Amino acid sequence: MKLASKDHIEWIEDTGERVTLADGKTIEVWVLKHANDEEILSYWAKHLRNHYCLDDEIDFYRKGYNFSRAEYLNKIKFPDHSVAPGPSIRAGDFSEILVADYLQYVLNYWVPRTRYGDKTVRNESTKGSDIIGFKIFKEEQDSLEDTLAIFEAKAKFTGRGENRLQDAVNDSSKDHARKAESLNAIKQRLFQKGLLSDAERIERFQNLEDRPYKEIYGAVALFSSANYDSEMASETDVSKHPNSNNLKLLIIHGHEMMELVHMIYRRAADEA
């Protein structure tokens, strides 16, 4: 999938704040300083929309319903704006896409975008690992530096009282067991889209024993700045994570994130 823009990722900044856990591990704290920039917000909305449905596909898919483009997206593709669990699914999808952007544009991984286009129930989360990225140093030759990154993202944009980073760690602890299925899902979707060369790249990571590579795992919590609690985050326990030595911990917070989520989804529909 050709992405519309990556300009919005420049709004994510490392605050320099580090939260230390009881075992000495640290959490990086980043902030999303989004702004009222019409051009960047419009491209960001297109970027989000194209995860669910490419612009050159919408007219074919909507035709039988006799929906406008916006109606098709709001009624068939996007999680609901107000009816539960739609808003929480919106927050989750938005957060996963933002972390995928972080993985791709900040950490320089290749991140296939195959997770949302074939959702059959819009108000449900897609099963499997949230975000998977790849680093391949030489296409024609395996390298021990080739890296598979598997990240989990959890959002808390309204209310207080939940350690979403702990939830992300707990889900991340399952990722090794479901890695094979998640890789197969990406490969299969790429193949179905006719992206054969990209699908073949996944094969590099499907047999760790015969073709060794590095693995890193990530747990990310996203908050509105008003409900980010560093003390609660410091209570996160990673001791039960099977890959705790290769686990990156990250918090991203920003101003009024749920309002931002709804605004980006609204633009994504209205500007289709």
C-alpha atoms as a PDB file:
ATOM      1  CA  MET A   1       0.000   0.000   0.000  1.00  0.00           C
ATOM      2  CA  LYS A   2       1.394   3.390  -0.984  1.00  0.00           C
ATOM      3  CA  LEU A   3       1.035   5.682   1.999  1.00  0.00           C
ATOM      4  CA  ALA A   4      -0.465   9.116   1.496  1.00  0.00           C
ATOM      5  CA  SER A   5       1.911  11.021   3.759  1.00  0.00           C
ATOM      6  CA  LYS A   6       4.244  10.607   6.680  1.00  0.00           C
ATOM      7  CA  ASP A   7       4.330  14.286   7.715  1.00  0.00           C
ATOM      8  CA  HIS A   8       2.205  13.664  10.802  1.00  0.00           C
ATOM      9  CA  ILE A   9       4.918  11.427  12.266  1.00  0.00           C
ATOM     10  CA  GLU A  10       7.075  14.529  12.698  1.00  0.00           C
ATOM     11  CA  TRP A  11       4.623  15.591  15.393  1.00  0.00           C
ATOM     12  CA  ILE A  12       5.843  12.684  17.564  1.00  0.00           C
ATOM     13  CA  GLU A  13       8.739  13.755  19.788  1.00  0.00           C
ATOM     14  CA  ASP A  14      10.827  12.016  22.421  1.00  0.00           C
ATOM     15  CA  THR A  15      10.250  13.945  25.656  1.00  0.00           C
ATOM     16  CA  GLY A  16      13.446  12.614  27.198  1.00  0.00           C
ATOM     17  CA  GLU A  17      11.401  11.390  30.163  1.00  0.00           C
ATOM     18  CA  ARG A  18      12.174   7.845  31.275  1.00  0.00           C
ATOM     19  CA  VAL A  19      10.046   5.892  33.742  1.00  0.00           C
ATOM     20  CA  THR A  20      11.987   3.241  35.645  1.00  0.00           C
ATOM     21  CA  LEU A  21      10.409  -0.058  36.630  1.00  0.00           C
ATOM     22  CA  ALA A  22      11.181  -2.035  39.770  1.00  0.00           C
ATOM     23  CA  ASP A  23      13.485  -4.355  37.820  1.00  0.00           C
ATOM     24  CA  GLY A  24      15.437  -1.434  36.357  1.00  0.00           C
ATOM     25  CA  LYS A  25      13.906  -1.488  32.875  1.00  0.00           C
ATOM     26  CA  THR A  26      12.912   1.865  31.469  1.00  0.00           C
ATOM     27  CA  ILE A  27       9.904   3.177  29.583  1.00  0.00           C
ATOM     28  CA  GLU A  28      10.455   5.786  26.902  1.00  0.00           C
ATOM     29  CA  VAL A  29       7.887   8.591  26.963  1.00  0.00           C
ATOM     30  CA  TRP A  30       7.033  10.339  23.708  1.00  0.00           C
ATOM     31  CA  VAL A  31       4.497  13.065  22.998  1.00  0.00           C
ATOM     32  CA  LEU A  32       2.295  13.633  19.949  1.00  0.00           C
ATOM     33  CA  LYS A  33       2.185  17.396  19.377  1.00  0.00           C
ATOM     34  CA  HIS A  34      -0.556  17.462  16.753  1.00  0.00           C
ATOM     35  CA  ALA A  35      -1.480  20.842  15.326  1.00  0.00           C
ATOM     36  CA  ASN A  36      -4.228  22.473  13.307  1.00  0.00           C
ATOM     37  CA  ASP A  37      -2.418  22.131   9.988  1.00  0.00           C
ATOM     38  CA  GLU A  38      -5.079  21.527   7.342  1.00  0.00           C
ATOM     39  CA  GLU A  39      -2.767  19.984   4.769  1.00  0.00           C
ATOM     40  CA  ILE A  40      -1.111  17.511   7.146  1.00  0.00           C
ATOM     41  CA  LEU A  41      -4.422  16.564   8.771  1.00  0.00           C
ATOM     42  CA  SER A  42      -5.972  15.963   5.354  1.00  0.00           C
ATOM     43  CA  TYR A  43      -3.107  13.700   4.283  1.00  0.00           C
ATOM     44  CA  TRP A  44      -3.227  11.933   7.642  1.00  0.00           C
ATOM     45  CA  ALA A  45      -6.945  11.260   7.114  1.00  0.00           C
ATOM     46  CA  LYS A  46      -6.229   9.799   3.675  1.00  0.00           C
ATOM     47  CA  HIS A  47      -3.453   7.697   5.180  1.00  0.00           C
ATOM     48  CA  LEU A  48      -5.867   6.242   7.742  1.00  0.00           C
ATOM     49  CA  ARG A  49      -8.643   5.732   5.160  1.00  0.00           C
ATOM     50  CA  ASN A  50      -6.359   3.796   2.833  1.00  0.00           C
ATOM     51  CA  HIS A  51      -5.663   1.230   5.555  1.00  0.00           C
ATOM     52  CA  TYR A  52      -9.339   0.228   5.360  1.00  0.00           C
ATOM     53  CA  CYS A  53      -9.980   0.818   1.668  1.00  0.00           C
ATOM     54  CA  LEU A  54      -7.859   2.227  -1.141  1.00  0.00           C
ATOM     55  CA  ASP A  55      -9.340   5.289  -2.802  1.00  0.00           C
ATOM     56  CA  ASP A  56      -9.524   3.574  -6.184  1.00  0.00           C
ATOM     57  CA  GLU A  57     -11.578   0.726  -4.658  1.00  0.00           C
ATOM     58  CA  ILE A  58     -14.305   2.705  -2.866  1.00  0.00           C
ATOM     59  CA  ASP A  59     -16.565   3.347  -5.854  1.00  0.00           C
ATOM     60  CA  PHE A  60     -16.718  -0.340  -6.775  1.00  0.00           C
ATOM     61  CA  TYR A  61     -17.418  -1.470  -3.203  1.00  0.00           C
ATOM     62  CA  ARG A  62     -20.112   1.144  -2.477  1.00  0.00           C
ATOM     63  CA  LYS A  63     -22.046   0.766  -5.738  1.00  0.00           C
ATOM     64  CA  GLY A  64     -24.440  -1.982  -4.654  1.00  0.00           C
ATOM     65  CA  TYR A  65     -25.463  -0.096  -1.507  1.00  0.00           C
ATOM     66  CA  ASN A  66     -26.132   3.139  -3.380  1.00  0.00           C
ATOM     67  CA  PHE A  67     -24.092   4.860  -0.652  1.00  0.00           C
ATOM     68  CA  SER A  68     -21.967   7.947  -1.068  1.00  0.00           C
ATOM     69  CA  ARG A  69     -18.271   7.429  -0.387  1.00  0.00           C
ATOM     70  CA  ALA A  70     -18.639   8.880   3.105  1.00  0.00           C
ATOM     71  CA  GLU A  71     -21.693   6.724   3.849  1.00  0.00           C
ATOM     72  CA  TYR A  72     -19.911   3.583   2.706  1.00  0.00           C
ATOM     73  CA  LEU A  73     -16.903   4.294   4.897  1.00  0.00           C
ATOM     74  CA  ASN A  74     -18.958   5.268   7.954  1.00  0.00           C
ATOM     75  CA  LYS A  75     -21.488   2.433   7.709  1.00  0.00           C
ATOM     76  CA  ILE A  76     -19.392  -0.449   6.374  1.00  0.00           C
ATOM     77  CA  LYS A  77     -15.669   0.138   6.958  1.00  0.00           C
ATOM     78  CA  PHE A  78     -14.959   2.445   9.886  1.00  0.00           C
ATOM     79  CA  PRO A  79     -15.713   1.593  13.541  1.00  0.00           C
ATOM     80  CA  ASP A  80     -18.805   3.423  14.795  1.00  0.00           C
ATOM     81  CA  HIS A  81     -18.435   6.965  16.085  1.00  0.00           C
ATOM     82  CA  SER A  82     -20.725   6.574  19.112  1.00  0.00           C
ATOM     83  CA  VAL A  83     -22.254   3.095  19.484  1.00  0.00           C
ATOM     84  CA  ALA A  84     -20.163   0.842  21.742  1.00  0.00           C
ATOM     85  CA  PRO A  85     -17.734  -0.729  21.236  1.00  0.00           C
ATOM     86  CA  GLY A  86     -17.130   1.415  18.135  1.00  0.00           C
ATOM     87  CA  PRO A  87     -15.307   4.311  19.818  1.00  0.00           C
ATOM     88  CA  SER A  88     -12.881   2.008  21.646  1.00  0.00           C
ATOM     89  CA  ILE A  89     -12.225   0.077  18.409  1.00  0.00           C
ATOM     90  CA  ARG A  90     -11.549   3.398  16.679  1.00  0.00           C
ATOM     91  CA  ALA A  91      -9.074   4.339  19.394  1.00  0.00           C
ATOM     92  CA  GLY A  92      -7.401   0.935  19.103  1.00  0.00           C
ATOM     93  CA  ASP A  93      -7.159   0.918  15.300  1.00  0.00           C
ATOM     94  CA  PHE A  94      -5.907   4.523  15.239  1.00  0.00           C
ATOM     95  CA  SER A  95      -3.269   3.704  17.863  1.00  0.00           C
ATOM     96  CA  GLU A  96      -2.062   0.601  16.045  1.00  0.00           C
ATOM     97  CA  ILE A  97      -1.703   2.562  12.808  1.00  0.00           C
ATOM     98  CA  LEU A  98       0.192   5.329  14.620  1.00  0.00           C
ATOM     99  CA  VAL A  99       2.566   2.802  16.208  1.00  0.00           C
ATOM    100  CA  ALA A 100       3.041   1.187  12.782  1.00  0.00           C
ATOM    101  CA  ASP A 101       4.026   4.640  11.495  1.00  0.00           C
ATOM    102  CA  TYR A 102       6.455   5.011  14.417  1.00  0.00           C
ATOM    103  CA  LEU A 103       7.960   1.607  13.664  1.00  0.00           C
ATOM    104  CA  GLN A 104       8.316   2.427   9.968  1.00  0.00           C
ATOM    105  CA  TYR A 105       9.365   6.078   9.975  1.00  0.00           C
ATOM    106  CA  VAL A 106      11.192   6.428  13.295  1.00  0.00           C
ATOM    107  CA  LEU A 107      12.737   2.957  13.687  1.00  0.00           C
ATOM    108  CA  ASN A 108      13.055   2.320   9.921  1.00  0.00           C
ATOM    109  CA  TYR A 109      11.256  -1.008   9.592  1.00  0.00           C
ATOM    110  CA  TRP A 110       9.281  -2.212   6.598  1.00  0.00           C
ATOM    111  CA  VAL A 111       5.710  -2.498   7.901  1.00  0.00           C
ATOM    112  CA  PRO A 112       3.174  -4.114   5.537  1.00  0.00           C
ATOM    113  CA  ARG A 113      -0.270  -2.533   5.949  1.00  0.00           C
ATOM    114  CA  THR A 114      -2.630  -5.497   5.607  1.00  0.00           C
ATOM    115  CA  ARG A 115      -4.513  -5.572   8.915  1.00  0.00           C
ATOM    116  CA  TYR A 116      -7.730  -3.590   8.377  1.00  0.00           C
ATOM    117  CA  GLY A 117      -8.799  -3.900   4.750  1.00  0.00           C
ATOM    118  CA  ASP A 118     -10.484  -7.283   5.081  1.00  0.00           C
ATOM    119  CA  LYS A 119     -12.295  -6.708   8.372  1.00  0.00           C
ATOM    120  CA  THR A 120     -15.674  -8.399   8.205  1.00  0.00           C
ATOM    121  CA  VAL A 121     -17.030  -6.771  11.378  1.00  0.00           C
ATOM    122  CA  ARG A 122     -16.108  -3.109  11.652  1.00  0.00           C
ATOM    123  CA  ASN A 123     -16.695  -2.869  15.415  1.00  0.00           C
ATOM    124  CA  GLU A 124     -14.285  -5.668  16.268  1.00  0.00           C
ATOM    125  CA  SER A 125     -10.521  -5.669  16.591  1.00  0.00           C
ATOM    126  CA  THR A 126      -8.527  -7.671  14.079  1.00  0.00           C
ATOM    127  CA  LYS A 127      -7.130 -10.867  15.582  1.00  0.00           C
ATOM    128  CA  GLY A 128      -3.395 -11.595  15.815  1.00  0.00           C
ATOM    129  CA  SER A 129      -0.364  -9.491  16.653  1.00  0.00           C
ATOM    130  CA  ASP A 130      -1.005  -5.761  16.338  1.00  0.00           C
ATOM    131  CA  ILE A 131       2.023  -4.463  14.424  1.00  0.00           C
ATOM    132  CA  ILE A 132       4.772  -6.420  12.698  1.00  0.00           C
ATOM    133  CA  GLY A 133       7.819  -4.868  11.052  1.00  0.00           C
ATOM    134  CA  PHE A 134      10.839  -6.249   9.221  1.00  0.00           C
ATOM    135  CA  LYS A 135      14.418  -5.197   8.580  1.00  0.00           C
ATOM    136  CA  ILE A 136      16.163  -6.996   5.722  1.00  0.00           C
ATOM    137  CA  PHE A 137      19.705  -5.795   5.137  1.00  0.00           C
ATOM    138  CA  LYS A 138      20.371  -7.638   1.866  1.00  0.00           C
ATOM    139  CA  GLU A 139      17.500  -8.946  -0.230  1.00  0.00           C
ATOM    140  CA  GLU A 140      19.665 -11.563  -1.916  1.00  0.00           C
ATOM    141  CA  GLN A 141      21.393 -12.871   1.213  1.00  0.00           C
ATOM    142  CA  ASP A 142      20.314 -13.639   4.775  1.00  0.00           C
ATOM    143  CA  SER A 143      21.959 -11.621   7.508  1.00  0.00           C
ATOM    144  CA  LEU A 144      22.025 -12.359  11.228  1.00  0.00           C
ATOM    145  CA  GLU A 145      21.158  -8.669  11.613  1.00  0.00           C
ATOM    146  CA  ASP A 146      17.827  -9.115   9.835  1.00  0.00           C
ATOM    147  CA  THR A 147      15.193  -8.266  12.434  1.00  0.00           C
ATOM    148  CA  LEU A 148      11.565  -9.075  13.104  1.00  0.00           C
ATOM    149  CA  ALA A 149       9.735  -6.613  15.360  1.00  0.00           C
ATOM    150  CA  ILE A 150       6.354  -7.441  16.905  1.00  0.00           C
ATOM    151  CA  PHE A 151       4.600  -4.651  18.803  1.00  0.00           C
ATOM    152  CA  GLU A 152       1.378  -4.473  20.802  1.00  0.00           C
ATOM    153  CA  ALA A 153      -0.468  -1.185  21.287  1.00  0.00           C
ATOM    154  CA  LYS A 154      -3.154  -0.311  23.844  1.00  0.00           C
ATOM    155  CA  ALA A 155      -5.001   3.003  24.115  1.00  0.00           C
ATOM    156  CA  LYS A 156      -6.623   4.882  26.981  1.00  0.00           C
ATOM    157  CA  PHE A 157      -7.928   8.193  25.676  1.00  0.00           C
ATOM    158  CA  THR A 158     -10.770   8.797  28.161  1.00  0.00           C
ATOM    159  CA  GLY A 159     -11.114   8.260  31.899  1.00  0.00           C
ATOM    160  CA  ARG A 160      -8.476   7.072  34.335  1.00  0.00           C
ATOM    161  CA  GLY A 161      -7.439   4.085  36.368  1.00  0.00           C
ATOM    162  CA  GLU A 162      -6.023   1.579  33.859  1.00  0.00           C
ATOM    163  CA  ASN A 163      -2.407   0.636  33.288  1.00  0.00           C
ATOM    164  CA  ARG A 164      -2.663   0.100  29.549  1.00  0.00           C
ATOM    165  CA  LEU A 165       1.062  -0.501  29.301  1.00  0.00           C
ATOM    166  CA  GLN A 166       0.584  -3.589  31.476  1.00  0.00           C
ATOM    167  CA  ASP A 167      -2.179  -4.708  29.109  1.00  0.00           C
ATOM    168  CA  ALA A 168       0.184  -4.235  26.167  1.00  0.00           C
ATOM    169  CA  VAL A 169       2.908  -6.242  27.943  1.00  0.00           C
ATOM    170  CA  ASN A 170       0.446  -9.035  28.728  1.00  0.00           C
ATOM    171  CA  ASP A 171      -0.689  -9.236  25.102  1.00  0.00           C
ATOM    172  CA  SER A 172       2.880  -9.020  23.854  1.00  0.00           C
ATOM    173  CA  SER A 173       3.734 -12.088  25.919  1.00  0.00           C
ATOM    174  CA  LYS A 174       1.472 -14.096  23.571  1.00  0.00           C
ATOM    175  CA  ASP A 175       3.102 -12.870  20.360  1.00  0.00           C
ATOM    176  CA  HIS A 176       5.799 -15.517  20.067  1.00  0.00           C
ATOM    177  CA  ALA A 177       3.167 -18.262  20.179  1.00  0.00           C
ATOM    178  CA  ARG A 178       1.065 -16.632  17.458  1.00  0.00           C
ATOM    179  CA  LYS A 179       3.987 -15.411  15.332  1.00  0.00           C
ATOM    180  CA  ALA A 180       3.649 -18.139  12.701  1.00  0.00           C
ATOM    181  CA  GLU A 181      -0.055 -17.435  12.182  1.00  0.00           C
ATOM    182  CA  SER A 182       0.499 -13.667  12.038  1.00  0.00           C
ATOM    183  CA  LEU A 183       3.278 -13.997   9.463  1.00  0.00           C
ATOM    184  CA  ASN A 184       1.137 -16.315   7.367  1.00  0.00           C
ATOM    185  CA  ALA A 185      -1.753 -13.817   7.494  1.00  0.00           C
ATOM    186  CA  ILE A 186       0.476 -11.011   6.202  1.00  0.00           C
ATOM    187  CA  LYS A 187       1.961 -13.208   3.470  1.00  0.00           C
ATOM    188  CA  GLN A 188      -1.478 -14.421   2.396  1.00  0.00           C
ATOM    189  CA  ARG A 189      -2.962 -10.909   2.208  1.00  0.00           C
ATOM    190  CA  LEU A 190       0.005  -9.605   0.230  1.00  0.00           C
ATOM    191  CA  PHE A 191      -0.330 -12.528  -2.193  1.00  0.00           C
ATOM    192  CA  GLN A 192      -4.069 -11.912  -2.591  1.00  0.00           C
ATOM    193  CA  LYS A 193      -3.333  -8.282  -3.457  1.00  0.00           C
ATOM    194  CA  GLY A 194      -0.937  -9.400  -6.168  1.00  0.00           C
ATOM    195  CA  LEU A 195       2.129  -8.181  -4.251  1.00  0.00           C
ATOM    196  CA  LEU A 196       4.089 -11.369  -4.863  1.00  0.00           C
ATOM    197  CA  SER A 197       7.578  -9.982  -4.260  1.00  0.00           C
ATOM    198  CA  ASP A 198       6.483  -8.517  -0.905  1.00  0.00           C
ATOM    199  CA  ALA A 199       4.780 -11.787   0.021  1.00  0.00           C
ATOM    200  CA  GLU A 200       8.003 -13.661  -0.729  1.00  0.00           C
ATOM    201  CA  ARG A 201       9.959 -11.331   1.572  1.00  0.00           C
ATOM    202  CA  ILE A 202       7.950 -12.698   4.519  1.00  0.00           C
ATOM    203  CA  GLU A 203       9.486 -16.136   3.909  1.00  0.00           C
ATOM    204  CA  ARG A 204      12.769 -14.822   5.291  1.00  0.00           C
ATOM    205  CA  PHE A 205      11.171 -14.826   8.761  1.00  0.00           C
ATOM    206  CA  GLN A 206       9.085 -17.992   8.724  1.00  0.00           C
ATOM    207  CA  ASN A 207      11.810 -20.423   9.797  1.00  0.00           C
ATOM    208  CA  LEU A 208      13.953 -19.038  12.621  1.00  0.00           C
ATOM    209  CA  GLU A 209      15.744 -22.344  13.241  1.00  0.00           C
ATOM    210  CA  ASP A 210      17.085 -22.751   9.707  1.00  0.00           C
ATOM    211  CA  ARG A 211      17.371 -19.052   8.858  1.00  0.00           C
ATOM    212  CA  PRO A 212      18.214 -17.255  12.136  1.00  0.00           C
ATOM    213  CA  TYR A 213      17.460 -13.566  12.660  1.00  0.00           C
ATOM    214  CA  LYS A 214      16.947 -11.116  15.508  1.00  0.00           C
ATOM    215  CA  GLU A 215      13.610 -10.617  17.257  1.00  0.00           C
ATOM    216  CA  ILE A 216      12.433  -7.649  19.271  1.00  0.00           C
ATOM    217  CA  TYR A 217       9.099  -7.162  20.962  1.00  0.00           C
ATOM    218  CA  GLY A 218       7.365  -3.953  21.895  1.00  0.00           C
ATOM    219  CA  ALA A 219       4.596  -2.866  24.246  1.00  0.00           C
ATOM    220  CA  VAL A 220       3.147   0.596  23.677  1.00  0.00           C
ATOM    221  CA  ALA A 221       0.512   2.473  25.666  1.00  0.00           C
ATOM    222  CA  LEU A 222      -1.145   5.559  24.212  1.00  0.00           C
ATOM    223  CA  PHE A 223      -2.913   8.132  26.389  1.00  0.00           C
ATOM    224  CA  SER A 224      -4.452  11.535  26.322  1.00  0.00           C
ATOM    225  CA  SER A 225      -2.009  13.711  28.226  1.00  0.00           C
ATOM    226  CA  ALA A 226      -4.628  14.393  30.902  1.00  0.00           C
ATOM    227  CA  ASN A 227      -4.858  10.708  31.850  1.00  0.00           C
ATOM    228  CA  TYR A 228      -1.199   9.756  31.521  1.00  0.00           C
ATOM    229  CA  ASP A 229       0.052   8.643  34.962  1.00  0.00           C
ATOM    230  CA  SER A 230       3.787   7.978  35.224  1.00  0.00           C
ATOM    231  CA  GLU A 231       3.439   6.490  38.701  1.00  0.00           C
ATOM    232  CA  MET A 232       0.961   3.905  37.467  1.00  0.00           C
ATOM    233  CA  ALA A 233       3.193   3.152  34.485  1.00  0.00           C
ATOM    234  CA  SER A 234       6.122   2.541  36.841  1.00  0.00           C
ATOM    235  CA  GLU A 235       4.191  -0.366  38.379  1.00  0.00           C
ATOM    236  CA  THR A 236       4.268  -2.315  35.098  1.00  0.00           C
ATOM    237  CA  ASP A 237       5.552  -5.863  35.585  1.00  0.00           C
ATOM    238  CA  VAL A 238       7.358  -7.545  32.697  1.00  0.00           C
ATOM    239  CA  SER A 239       8.669 -10.542  34.633  1.00  0.00           C
ATOM    240  CA  LYS A 240       6.246 -12.983  32.999  1.00  0.00           C
ATOM    241  CA  HIS A 241       7.047 -11.879  29.457  1.00  0.00           C
ATOM    242  CA  PRO A 242       8.959 -14.720  27.724  1.00  0.00           C
ATOM    243  CA  ASN A 243      11.108 -12.213  25.811  1.00  0.00           C
ATOM    244  CA  SER A 244      11.514  -9.547  28.473  1.00  0.00           C
ATOM    245  CA  ASN A 245      15.197  -9.070  27.576  1.00  0.00           C
ATOM    246  CA  ASN A 246      14.187  -7.985  24.061  1.00  0.00           C
ATOM    247  CA  LEU A 247      11.127  -5.947  25.047  1.00  0.00           C
ATOM    248  CA  LYS A 248      10.851  -2.241  24.196  1.00  0.00           C
ATOM    249  CA  LEU A 249       8.488  -0.239  26.419  1.00  0.00           C
ATOM    250  CA  LEU A 250       6.974   2.966  25.115  1.00  0.00           C
ATOM    251  CA  ILE A 251       4.313   5.504  26.082  1.00  0.00           C
ATOM    252  CA  ILE A 252       2.909   8.067  23.646  1.00  0.00           C
ATOM    253  CA  HIS A 253       0.554  10.762  24.917  1.00  0.00           C
ATOM    254  CA  GLY A 254      -1.034  13.778  23.305  1.00  0.00           C
ATOM    255  CA  HIS A 255      -3.617  16.476  23.884  1.00  0.00           C
ATOM    256  CA  GLU A 256      -7.290  15.365  23.694  1.00  0.00           C
ATOM    257  CA  MET A 257      -6.522  12.221  21.724  1.00  0.00           C
ATOM    258  CA  MET A 258     -10.095  10.964  21.420  1.00  0.00           C
ATOM    259  CA  GLU A 259     -11.135  14.239  19.827  1.00  0.00           C
ATOM    260  CA  LEU A 260      -8.225  13.864  17.412  1.00  0.00           C
ATOM    261  CA  VAL A 261      -9.283  10.291  16.574  1.00  0.00           C
ATOM    262  CA  HIS A 262     -12.866  11.305  15.740  1.00  0.00           C
ATOM    263  CA  MET A 263     -11.673  14.294  13.717  1.00  0.00           C
ATOM    264  CA  ILE A 264      -9.301  12.155  11.605  1.00  0.00           C
ATOM    265  CA  TYR A 265     -12.025   9.551  10.951  1.00  0.00           C
ATOM    266  CA  ARG A 266     -14.503  12.310  10.048  1.00  0.00           C
ATOM    267  CA  ARG A 267     -12.038  13.838   7.578  1.00  0.00           C
ATOM    268  CA  ALA A 268     -11.225  10.403   6.197  1.00  0.00           C
ATOM    269  CA  ALA A 269     -14.898   9.903   5.272  1.00  0.00           C
ATOM    270  CA  ASP A 270     -15.765  13.450   4.202  1.00  0.00           C
ATOM    271  CA  GLU A 271     -12.680  13.896   2.021  1.00  0.00           C
ATOM    272  CA  ALA A 272     -12.867  10.504   0.280  1.00  0.00           C
END
